Amino acid sequence: MIISLLLGALIGWIAGQLMGSKGGIIRSILLGLAGSVVGNFVAGSVGIGAHNSVGAILIGVGGACLVILIGRWLFGK
C-alpha cells in the first residue's frame, strides 16, 4: 500500500509538472491514483498494456494528464 501511494505521488507530480498544475502532496497522490485508473482503462481499451513498472508509470502519467485536462475543461481553469 505504501508503494502504491508513493507511485501515485510520483505519477501525480510528473503529470502536474507536465501540465503546469499546482498542488500539494495529497493532491498529487489522488491525481496519480486516479490517473493510473483512467490510464489503465484507456490503454486497455485500445489494447495497450504495461509489461514493467516504467510502462505502468507512463500509462499512469498519461491518465493523470487526461484527468487534469478534463478537470480544466469541466471547471474552467
PDB file of N, CA and C in Angstrom:
ATOM      1  N   MET A   1       0.821  -1.187   0.000  1.00  0.00           N
ATOM      2  CA  MET A   1       0.000   0.000   0.000  1.00  0.00           C
ATOM      3  C   MET A   1       0.873   1.263   0.000  1.00  0.00           C
ATOM      4  N   ILE A   2       1.924   1.259   0.780  1.00  0.00           N
ATOM      5  CA  ILE A   2       2.812   2.421   0.834  1.00  0.00           C
ATOM      6  C   ILE A   2       3.451   2.645  -0.536  1.00  0.00           C
ATOM      7  N   ILE A   3       3.823   1.562  -1.199  1.00  0.00           N
ATOM      8  CA  ILE A   3       4.446   1.692  -2.524  1.00  0.00           C
ATOM      9  C   ILE A   3       3.442   2.266  -3.516  1.00  0.00           C
ATOM     10  N   SER A   4       2.182   1.861  -3.421  1.00  0.00           N
ATOM     11  CA  SER A   4       1.153   2.408  -4.308  1.00  0.00           C
ATOM     12  C   SER A   4       0.980   3.904  -4.093  1.00  0.00           C
ATOM     13  N   LEU A   5       0.998   4.338  -2.832  1.00  0.00           N
ATOM     14  CA  LEU A   5       0.875   5.766  -2.545  1.00  0.00           C
ATOM     15  C   LEU A   5       2.084   6.540  -3.058  1.00  0.00           C
ATOM     16  N   LEU A   6       3.269   5.976  -2.885  1.00  0.00           N
ATOM     17  CA  LEU A   6       4.473   6.644  -3.378  1.00  0.00           C
ATOM     18  C   LEU A   6       4.478   6.732  -4.899  1.00  0.00           C
ATOM     19  N   LEU A   7       4.079   5.649  -5.559  1.00  0.00           N
ATOM     20  CA  LEU A   7       3.990   5.692  -7.023  1.00  0.00           C
ATOM     21  C   LEU A   7       2.895   6.658  -7.474  1.00  0.00           C
ATOM     22  N   GLY A   8       1.784   6.690  -6.748  1.00  0.00           N
ATOM     23  CA  GLY A   8       0.718   7.650  -7.058  1.00  0.00           C
ATOM     24  C   GLY A   8       1.211   9.076  -6.937  1.00  0.00           C
ATOM     25  N   ALA A   9       1.978   9.353  -5.885  1.00  0.00           N
ATOM     26  CA  ALA A   9       2.533  10.697  -5.707  1.00  0.00           C
ATOM     27  C   ALA A   9       3.502  11.039  -6.827  1.00  0.00           C
ATOM     28  N   LEU A  10       4.346  10.084  -7.197  1.00  0.00           N
ATOM     29  CA  LEU A  10       5.301  10.309  -8.297  1.00  0.00           C
ATOM     30  C   LEU A  10       4.570  10.580  -9.606  1.00  0.00           C
ATOM     31  N   ILE A  11       3.580   9.756  -9.908  1.00  0.00           N
ATOM     32  CA  ILE A  11       2.812   9.920 -11.139  1.00  0.00           C
ATOM     33  C   ILE A  11       2.081  11.260 -11.138  1.00  0.00           C
ATOM     34  N   GLY A  12       1.451  11.612 -10.022  1.00  0.00           N
ATOM     35  CA  GLY A  12       0.748  12.892  -9.927  1.00  0.00           C
ATOM     36  C   GLY A  12       1.691  14.073 -10.049  1.00  0.00           C
ATOM     37  N   TRP A  13       2.873  13.969  -9.439  1.00  0.00           N
ATOM     38  CA  TRP A  13       3.855  15.052  -9.520  1.00  0.00           C
ATOM     39  C   TRP A  13       4.348  15.233 -10.959  1.00  0.00           C
ATOM     40  N   ILE A  14       4.673  14.129 -11.639  1.00  0.00           N
ATOM     41  CA  ILE A  14       5.136  14.209 -13.032  1.00  0.00           C
ATOM     42  C   ILE A  14       4.055  14.823 -13.914  1.00  0.00           C
ATOM     43  N   ALA A  15       2.820  14.365 -13.772  1.00  0.00           N
ATOM     44  CA  ALA A  15       1.728  14.909 -14.579  1.00  0.00           C
ATOM     45  C   ALA A  15       1.508  16.376 -14.269  1.00  0.00           C
ATOM     46  N   GLY A  16       1.596  16.744 -13.002  1.00  0.00           N
ATOM     47  CA  GLY A  16       1.439  18.143 -12.622  1.00  0.00           C
ATOM     48  C   GLY A  16       2.519  19.020 -13.237  1.00  0.00           C
ATOM     49  N   GLN A  17       3.752  18.518 -13.288  1.00  0.00           N
ATOM     50  CA  GLN A  17       4.842  19.269 -13.897  1.00  0.00           C
ATOM     51  C   GLN A  17       4.621  19.409 -15.409  1.00  0.00           C
ATOM     52  N   LEU A  18       4.179  18.333 -16.040  1.00  0.00           N
ATOM     53  CA  LEU A  18       3.944  18.378 -17.488  1.00  0.00           C
ATOM     54  C   LEU A  18       2.805  19.321 -17.863  1.00  0.00           C
ATOM     55  N   MET A  19       1.776  19.357 -17.024  1.00  0.00           N
ATOM     56  CA  MET A  19       0.585  20.144 -17.333  1.00  0.00           C
ATOM     57  C   MET A  19       0.592  21.518 -16.677  1.00  0.00           C
ATOM     58  N   GLY A  20       1.632  21.840 -15.898  1.00  0.00           N
ATOM     59  CA  GLY A  20       1.699  23.136 -15.241  1.00  0.00           C
ATOM     60  C   GLY A  20       0.664  23.295 -14.142  1.00  0.00           C
ATOM     61  N   SER A  21       0.367  22.211 -13.442  1.00  0.00           N
ATOM     62  CA  SER A  21      -0.634  22.223 -12.389  1.00  0.00           C
ATOM     63  C   SER A  21       0.033  22.450 -11.041  1.00  0.00           C
ATOM     64  N   LYS A  22      -0.681  23.098 -10.136  1.00  0.00           N
ATOM     65  CA  LYS A  22      -0.164  23.354  -8.796  1.00  0.00           C
ATOM     66  C   LYS A  22      -0.924  22.485  -7.800  1.00  0.00           C
ATOM     67  N   GLY A  23      -0.291  22.172  -6.702  1.00  0.00           N
ATOM     68  CA  GLY A  23      -0.967  21.408  -5.661  1.00  0.00           C
ATOM     69  C   GLY A  23       0.025  20.777  -4.719  1.00  0.00           C
ATOM     70  N   GLY A  24      -0.476  20.255  -3.623  1.00  0.00           N
ATOM     71  CA  GLY A  24       0.342  19.640  -2.610  1.00  0.00           C
ATOM     72  C   GLY A  24       0.476  18.142  -2.800  1.00  0.00           C
ATOM     73  N   ILE A  25       1.033  17.493  -1.790  1.00  0.00           N
ATOM     74  CA  ILE A  25       1.303  16.067  -1.865  1.00  0.00           C
ATOM     75  C   ILE A  25       0.013  15.246  -1.897  1.00  0.00           C
ATOM     76  N   ILE A  26      -1.002  15.669  -1.159  1.00  0.00           N
ATOM     77  CA  ILE A  26      -2.275  14.924  -1.160  1.00  0.00           C
ATOM     78  C   ILE A  26      -2.913  14.988  -2.538  1.00  0.00           C
ATOM     79  N   ARG A  27      -2.901  16.162  -3.140  1.00  0.00           N
ATOM     80  CA  ARG A  27      -3.461  16.308  -4.490  1.00  0.00           C
ATOM     81  C   ARG A  27      -2.674  15.461  -5.486  1.00  0.00           C
ATOM     82  N   SER A  28      -1.349  15.436  -5.351  1.00  0.00           N
ATOM     83  CA  SER A  28      -0.524  14.632  -6.249  1.00  0.00           C
ATOM     84  C   SER A  28      -0.836  13.148  -6.102  1.00  0.00           C
ATOM     85  N   ILE A  29      -0.994  12.685  -4.864  1.00  0.00           N
ATOM     86  CA  ILE A  29      -1.320  11.269  -4.640  1.00  0.00           C
ATOM     87  C   ILE A  29      -2.669  10.927  -5.259  1.00  0.00           C
ATOM     88  N   LEU A  30      -3.675  11.758  -4.985  1.00  0.00           N
ATOM     89  CA  LEU A  30      -5.009  11.494  -5.531  1.00  0.00           C
ATOM     90  C   LEU A  30      -5.020  11.554  -7.053  1.00  0.00           C
ATOM     91  N   LEU A  31      -4.327  12.541  -7.596  1.00  0.00           N
ATOM     92  CA  LEU A  31      -4.239  12.675  -9.047  1.00  0.00           C
ATOM     93  C   LEU A  31      -3.527  11.478  -9.661  1.00  0.00           C
ATOM     94  N   GLY A  32      -2.443  11.044  -9.035  1.00  0.00           N
ATOM     95  CA  GLY A  32      -1.700   9.889  -9.542  1.00  0.00           C
ATOM     96  C   GLY A  32      -2.504   8.611  -9.489  1.00  0.00           C
ATOM     97  N   LEU A  33      -3.221   8.397  -8.392  1.00  0.00           N
ATOM     98  CA  LEU A  33      -4.036   7.186  -8.282  1.00  0.00           C
ATOM     99  C   LEU A  33      -5.197   7.206  -9.277  1.00  0.00           C
ATOM    100  N   ALA A  34      -5.874   8.352  -9.387  1.00  0.00           N
ATOM    101  CA  ALA A  34      -6.963   8.470 -10.369  1.00  0.00           C
ATOM    102  C   ALA A  34      -6.421   8.348 -11.787  1.00  0.00           C
ATOM    103  N   GLY A  35      -5.264   8.956 -12.024  1.00  0.00           N
ATOM    104  CA  GLY A  35      -4.650   8.874 -13.346  1.00  0.00           C
ATOM    105  C   GLY A  35      -4.273   7.464 -13.724  1.00  0.00           C
ATOM    106  N   SER A  36      -3.809   6.692 -12.755  1.00  0.00           N
ATOM    107  CA  SER A  36      -3.465   5.301 -13.030  1.00  0.00           C
ATOM    108  C   SER A  36      -4.690   4.484 -13.426  1.00  0.00           C
ATOM    109  N   VAL A  37      -5.785   4.731 -12.732  1.00  0.00           N
ATOM    110  CA  VAL A  37      -7.031   4.023 -13.055  1.00  0.00           C
ATOM    111  C   VAL A  37      -7.508   4.403 -14.456  1.00  0.00           C
ATOM    112  N   VAL A  38      -7.550   5.700 -14.723  1.00  0.00           N
ATOM    113  CA  VAL A  38      -8.003   6.182 -16.039  1.00  0.00           C
ATOM    114  C   VAL A  38      -7.052   5.711 -17.136  1.00  0.00           C
ATOM    115  N   GLY A  39      -5.752   5.836 -16.891  1.00  0.00           N
ATOM    116  CA  GLY A  39      -4.763   5.424 -17.890  1.00  0.00           C
ATOM    117  C   GLY A  39      -4.848   3.947 -18.213  1.00  0.00           C
ATOM    118  N   ASN A  40      -5.002   3.114 -17.190  1.00  0.00           N
ATOM    119  CA  ASN A  40      -5.120   1.675 -17.427  1.00  0.00           C
ATOM    120  C   ASN A  40      -6.392   1.325 -18.164  1.00  0.00           C
ATOM    121  N   PHE A  41      -7.483   2.037 -17.866  1.00  0.00           N
ATOM    122  CA  PHE A  41      -8.734   1.793 -18.571  1.00  0.00           C
ATOM    123  C   PHE A  41      -8.614   2.162 -20.047  1.00  0.00           C
ATOM    124  N   VAL A  42      -8.084   3.368 -20.312  1.00  0.00           N
ATOM    125  CA  VAL A  42      -7.953   3.833 -21.699  1.00  0.00           C
ATOM    126  C   VAL A  42      -6.971   2.961 -22.464  1.00  0.00           C
ATOM    127  N   ALA A  43      -5.817   2.672 -21.857  1.00  0.00           N
ATOM    128  CA  ALA A  43      -4.817   1.850 -22.537  1.00  0.00           C
ATOM    129  C   ALA A  43      -5.348   0.446 -22.800  1.00  0.00           C
ATOM    130  N   GLY A  44      -6.053  -0.118 -21.829  1.00  0.00           N
ATOM    131  CA  GLY A  44      -6.636  -1.442 -22.016  1.00  0.00           C
ATOM    132  C   GLY A  44      -7.704  -1.460 -23.093  1.00  0.00           C
ATOM    133  N   SER A  45      -8.422  -0.355 -23.224  1.00  0.00           N
ATOM    134  CA  SER A  45      -9.475  -0.265 -24.239  1.00  0.00           C
ATOM    135  C   SER A  45      -8.922  -0.294 -25.656  1.00  0.00           C
ATOM    136  N   VAL A  46      -7.704   0.208 -25.830  1.00  0.00           N
ATOM    137  CA  VAL A  46      -7.101   0.217 -27.162  1.00  0.00           C
ATOM    138  C   VAL A  46      -6.066  -0.901 -27.326  1.00  0.00           C
ATOM    139  N   GLY A  47      -5.982  -1.788 -26.333  1.00  0.00           N
ATOM    140  CA  GLY A  47      -5.111  -2.955 -26.456  1.00  0.00           C
ATOM    141  C   GLY A  47      -3.661  -2.731 -26.062  1.00  0.00           C
ATOM    142  N   ILE A  48      -3.396  -1.726 -25.249  1.00  0.00           N
ATOM    143  CA  ILE A  48      -2.036  -1.460 -24.785  1.00  0.00           C
ATOM    144  C   ILE A  48      -1.946  -1.880 -23.328  1.00  0.00           C
ATOM    145  N   GLY A  49      -0.865  -2.567 -22.983  1.00  0.00           N
ATOM    146  CA  GLY A  49      -0.667  -2.975 -21.602  1.00  0.00           C
ATOM    147  C   GLY A  49       0.764  -2.710 -21.167  1.00  0.00           C
ATOM    148  N   ALA A  50       0.950  -2.506 -19.893  1.00  0.00           N
ATOM    149  CA  ALA A  50       2.283  -2.274 -19.350  1.00  0.00           C
ATOM    150  C   ALA A  50       2.913  -3.614 -18.986  1.00  0.00           C
ATOM    151  N   HIS A  51       4.148  -3.809 -19.405  1.00  0.00           N
ATOM    152  CA  HIS A  51       4.846  -5.057 -19.109  1.00  0.00           C
ATOM    153  C   HIS A  51       5.905  -4.878 -18.027  1.00  0.00           C
ATOM    154  N   ASN A  52       6.124  -3.660 -17.582  1.00  0.00           N
ATOM    155  CA  ASN A  52       7.071  -3.399 -16.497  1.00  0.00           C
ATOM    156  C   ASN A  52       6.638  -2.129 -15.768  1.00  0.00           C
ATOM    157  N   SER A  53       7.379  -1.771 -14.740  1.00  0.00           N
ATOM    158  CA  SER A  53       6.979  -0.627 -13.925  1.00  0.00           C
ATOM    159  C   SER A  53       7.116   0.693 -14.675  1.00  0.00           C
ATOM    160  N   VAL A  54       8.076   0.791 -15.589  1.00  0.00           N
ATOM    161  CA  VAL A  54       8.227   2.029 -16.368  1.00  0.00           C
ATOM    162  C   VAL A  54       6.996   2.235 -17.249  1.00  0.00           C
ATOM    163  N   GLY A  55       6.531   1.175 -17.872  1.00  0.00           N
ATOM    164  CA  GLY A  55       5.327   1.269 -18.691  1.00  0.00           C
ATOM    165  C   GLY A  55       4.105   1.638 -17.871  1.00  0.00           C
ATOM    166  N   ALA A  56       4.009   1.077 -16.664  1.00  0.00           N
ATOM    167  CA  ALA A  56       2.882   1.399 -15.788  1.00  0.00           C
ATOM    168  C   ALA A  56       2.916   2.867 -15.368  1.00  0.00           C
ATOM    169  N   ILE A  57       4.113   3.386 -15.098  1.00  0.00           N
ATOM    170  CA  ILE A  57       4.236   4.800 -14.736  1.00  0.00           C
ATOM    171  C   ILE A  57       3.863   5.684 -15.909  1.00  0.00           C
ATOM    172  N   LEU A  58       4.306   5.330 -17.111  1.00  0.00           N
ATOM    173  CA  LEU A  58       3.968   6.127 -18.300  1.00  0.00           C
ATOM    174  C   LEU A  58       2.472   6.128 -18.565  1.00  0.00           C
ATOM    175  N   ILE A  59       1.837   4.981 -18.414  1.00  0.00           N
ATOM    176  CA  ILE A  59       0.384   4.913 -18.594  1.00  0.00           C
ATOM    177  C   ILE A  59      -0.322   5.734 -17.522  1.00  0.00           C
ATOM    178  N   GLY A  60       0.165   5.649 -16.284  1.00  0.00           N
ATOM    179  CA  GLY A  60      -0.413   6.435 -15.192  1.00  0.00           C
ATOM    180  C   GLY A  60      -0.265   7.926 -15.412  1.00  0.00           C
ATOM    181  N   VAL A  61       0.912   8.354 -15.889  1.00  0.00           N
ATOM    182  CA  VAL A  61       1.136   9.778 -16.162  1.00  0.00           C
ATOM    183  C   VAL A  61       0.205  10.252 -17.281  1.00  0.00           C
ATOM    184  N   GLY A  62       0.069   9.446 -18.315  1.00  0.00           N
ATOM    185  CA  GLY A  62      -0.852   9.797 -19.397  1.00  0.00           C
ATOM    186  C   GLY A  62      -2.280   9.923 -18.894  1.00  0.00           C
ATOM    187  N   GLY A  63      -2.699   9.000 -18.043  1.00  0.00           N
ATOM    188  CA  GLY A  63      -4.039   9.068 -17.468  1.00  0.00           C
ATOM    189  C   GLY A  63      -4.216  10.275 -16.565  1.00  0.00           C
ATOM    190  N   ALA A  64      -3.190  10.599 -15.771  1.00  0.00           N
ATOM    191  CA  ALA A  64      -3.268  11.762 -14.885  1.00  0.00           C
ATOM    192  C   ALA A  64      -3.331  13.053 -15.694  1.00  0.00           C
ATOM    193  N   CYS A  65      -2.580  13.120 -16.789  1.00  0.00           N
ATOM    194  CA  CYS A  65      -2.662  14.291 -17.666  1.00  0.00           C
ATOM    195  C   CYS A  65      -4.066  14.419 -18.251  1.00  0.00           C
ATOM    196  N   LEU A  66      -4.665  13.294 -18.594  1.00  0.00           N
ATOM    197  CA  LEU A  66      -6.032  13.299 -19.107  1.00  0.00           C
ATOM    198  C   LEU A  66      -7.013  13.774 -18.034  1.00  0.00           C
ATOM    199  N   VAL A  67      -6.804  13.338 -16.792  1.00  0.00           N
ATOM    200  CA  VAL A  67      -7.659  13.785 -15.683  1.00  0.00           C
ATOM    201  C   VAL A  67      -7.532  15.295 -15.490  1.00  0.00           C
ATOM    202  N   ILE A  68      -6.302  15.820 -15.543  1.00  0.00           N
ATOM    203  CA  ILE A  68      -6.088  17.271 -15.414  1.00  0.00           C
ATOM    204  C   ILE A  68      -6.793  18.006 -16.544  1.00  0.00           C
ATOM    205  N   LEU A  69      -6.644  17.514 -17.770  1.00  0.00           N
ATOM    206  CA  LEU A  69      -7.257  18.144 -18.928  1.00  0.00           C
ATOM    207  C   LEU A  69      -8.778  18.170 -18.816  1.00  0.00           C
ATOM    208  N   ILE A  70      -9.361  17.066 -18.409  1.00  0.00           N
ATOM    209  CA  ILE A  70     -10.813  17.004 -18.251  1.00  0.00           C
ATOM    210  C   ILE A  70     -11.259  17.924 -17.118  1.00  0.00           C
ATOM    211  N   GLY A  71     -10.493  17.959 -16.023  1.00  0.00           N
ATOM    212  CA  GLY A  71     -10.820  18.853 -14.915  1.00  0.00           C
ATOM    213  C   GLY A  71     -10.789  20.312 -15.332  1.00  0.00           C
ATOM    214  N   ARG A  72      -9.803  20.675 -16.129  1.00  0.00           N
ATOM    215  CA  ARG A  72      -9.728  22.062 -16.622  1.00  0.00           C
ATOM    216  C   ARG A  72     -10.895  22.355 -17.548  1.00  0.00           C
ATOM    217  N   TRP A  73     -11.260  21.383 -18.358  1.00  0.00           N
ATOM    218  CA  TRP A  73     -12.368  21.573 -19.285  1.00  0.00           C
ATOM    219  C   TRP A  73     -13.691  21.733 -18.527  1.00  0.00           C
ATOM    220  N   LEU A  74     -13.885  20.919 -17.486  1.00  0.00           N
ATOM    221  CA  LEU A  74     -15.131  20.975 -16.724  1.00  0.00           C
ATOM    222  C   LEU A  74     -15.227  22.175 -15.803  1.00  0.00           C
ATOM    223  N   PHE A  75     -14.116  22.528 -15.159  1.00  0.00           N
ATOM    224  CA  PHE A  75     -14.157  23.556 -14.136  1.00  0.00           C
ATOM    225  C   PHE A  75     -13.529  24.880 -14.552  1.00  0.00           C
ATOM    226  N   GLY A  76     -13.063  24.957 -15.789  1.00  0.00           N
ATOM    227  CA  GLY A  76     -12.649  26.220 -16.371  1.00  0.00           C
ATOM    228  C   GLY A  76     -11.359  26.827 -15.900  1.00  0.00           C
ATOM    229  N   LYS A  77     -10.378  26.042 -15.555  1.00  0.00           N
ATOM    230  CA  LYS A  77      -9.083  26.632 -15.244  1.00  0.00           C
ATOM    231  C   LYS A  77      -8.024  26.155 -16.174  1.00  0.00           C
TER     232      LYS A  77
END
